[in-house]
Every structure is written in structure tokens, then in C-alpha cells.
Protein backbone atom coordinates (compact mmCIF):
# COMPACT_ATOMS: atom_id res chain seq x y z
CA MET A 1 0.06 0.03 -0.04
CA PRO A 2 1.07 3.45 -0.83
CA LYS A 3 2.93 5.91 1.62
CA ILE A 4 0.31 8.73 2.97
CA ASN A 5 1.31 11.94 4.52
CA ALA A 6 -1.10 13.09 7.35
CA ALA A 7 -0.37 16.31 9.42
CA ILE A 8 -1.58 15.85 13.19
CA GLN A 9 -2.39 18.68 15.46
CA LEU A 10 -3.40 18.06 19.09
CA LEU A 11 -5.23 20.18 20.87
CA PRO A 12 -5.70 19.42 24.65
CA THR A 13 -8.86 21.05 25.68
CA LYS A 14 -10.11 19.88 29.24
CA CYS A 15 -6.94 19.13 31.00
CA SER A 16 -5.52 18.97 34.87
CA ALA A 17 -2.00 17.91 33.24
CA ASP A 18 -0.07 20.66 31.74
CA ARG A 19 -0.98 21.08 27.69
CA ILE A 20 2.48 21.90 26.51
CA ALA A 21 3.85 19.03 28.24
CA LEU A 22 0.78 16.40 26.57
CA ILE A 23 1.90 17.87 23.23
CA ASP A 24 5.92 17.56 23.93
CA ASN A 25 4.48 13.95 24.90
CA ALA A 26 2.71 13.49 21.66
CA ILE A 27 5.47 14.63 19.60
CA ALA A 28 7.87 12.04 21.55
CA ARG A 29 5.51 9.11 20.19
CA ILE A 30 5.65 10.20 16.83
CA HIS A 31 9.57 10.55 16.94
CA ASN A 32 9.47 6.88 18.26
CA SER A 33 7.07 5.81 16.12
CA GLY A 34 9.83 5.22 13.48
CA LEU A 35 7.94 7.19 11.14
CA LEU A 36 9.69 10.09 8.87
CA TYR A 37 7.92 12.82 10.16
CA LYS A 38 8.50 17.01 10.67
CA VAL A 39 7.54 19.08 13.45
CA CYS A 40 5.71 22.29 12.20
CA PRO A 41 4.92 25.31 14.35
CA PHE A 42 1.28 24.20 14.63
CA GLU A 43 1.05 20.60 13.71
CA THR A 44 3.59 17.85 12.99
CA VAL A 45 3.49 16.15 9.41
CA VAL A 46 4.07 12.24 9.38
CA GLU A 47 4.80 9.69 6.70
CA GLY A 48 4.49 6.45 6.36
CA GLU A 49 2.41 3.30 5.41
CA PRO A 50 -1.33 4.16 6.51
CA GLU A 51 -2.06 1.54 9.30
CA ALA A 52 1.27 2.76 11.27
CA VAL A 53 -0.31 6.40 10.66
CA TYR A 54 -3.58 5.45 11.63
CA ALA A 55 -2.26 3.39 14.47
CA LEU A 56 -0.06 6.34 15.81
CA ILE A 57 -3.27 8.55 16.15
CA GLU A 58 -4.59 6.27 18.00
CA ASP A 59 -1.92 6.10 20.26
CA ILE A 60 -1.60 9.38 20.78
CA ARG A 61 -5.32 9.90 21.69
CA LYS A 62 -5.13 7.05 24.22
CA ASP A 63 -2.23 8.39 26.12
CA THR A 64 -3.62 11.66 26.26
CA LEU A 65 -6.67 10.86 27.52
CA SER A 66 -4.96 8.78 30.23
CA ASN A 67 -2.60 11.48 31.22
CA GLY A 68 -4.45 13.94 32.51
CA CYS A 69 -6.84 15.09 30.09
CA GLU A 70 -10.52 14.87 29.85
CA GLU A 71 -11.27 16.06 26.48
CA LEU A 72 -9.19 16.71 23.19
CA LEU A 73 -9.40 17.31 19.88
CA ILE A 74 -6.83 16.05 17.03
CA ASN A 75 -7.21 17.75 13.39
CA ILE A 76 -5.81 15.29 11.18
CA LYS A 77 -5.16 16.15 7.30
CA ILE A 78 -4.68 13.01 5.30
CA HIS A 79 -3.14 13.05 1.71
CA ALA A 80 -3.53 9.60 -0.01
CA ALA A 81 -2.39 8.78 -3.61
CA THR A 82 -2.14 5.60 -5.91
CA GLN A 83 1.87 6.45 -5.50
CA ASP A 84 3.99 6.75 -2.18
CA LEU A 85 3.66 10.43 -1.01
CA HIS A 86 6.56 12.05 0.49
CA PHE A 87 6.04 15.82 2.47
CA GLN A 88 9.77 16.53 1.05
CA ASP A 89 8.88 16.75 -2.36
CA LYS A 90 6.37 19.16 -1.30
CA LEU A 91 8.88 21.34 0.58
CA GLU A 92 11.74 21.30 -1.82
CA LYS A 93 11.18 24.39 -4.01
CA TYR A 94 11.22 26.33 -0.73
CA ALA A 95 14.49 24.87 0.86
């Protein structure tokens, strides 16, 4: 199955925990996932097999809700095609 790109934005809403710490933890989970990723100011973009990307999003959701956050929003943008997608291809002309 071709690789996809997904932009993931975690927005902890009702939390007793530090929201920034929750976001940092989500980025650490992305880092440890083994997927190619790029942290941006408002979201983190990942690249990989669809099943791995979807599993990562579910992992972030479960972990955030079990670590001091009662409610959250996860905004996700997915780019899929019949061939592998590489977010670096989209950035080359701006480097």
C-alpha cells in the first residue's frame, strides 16, 4: 500500500495536566514511532504506511486521554494517492 502524509494537530482542551507537556509527549510518540516526520509550528506532519499512521494517531489519542486530559481535539489532514507520497517533495522548492 502506498505511503500517505498526515498532518496531526493535538489540541488538549479539558486538562488537569500541562497542555504543552501533553503535546511534547505526543511529539515524542511520533519520534519513537519510526515514521518520517517534521514538526511544524501548528502541527506535525508524518509519512508512512496508512496502518502505521492511523495506529500512531490512536496511540496519541489514548495516551493523552489517560494522562490528565479529559477532552481533546485532534485535527488530521491526510493526503493519499496511488503512489507513495513524500512530504519532502512538497518542500523542495522552498528550501
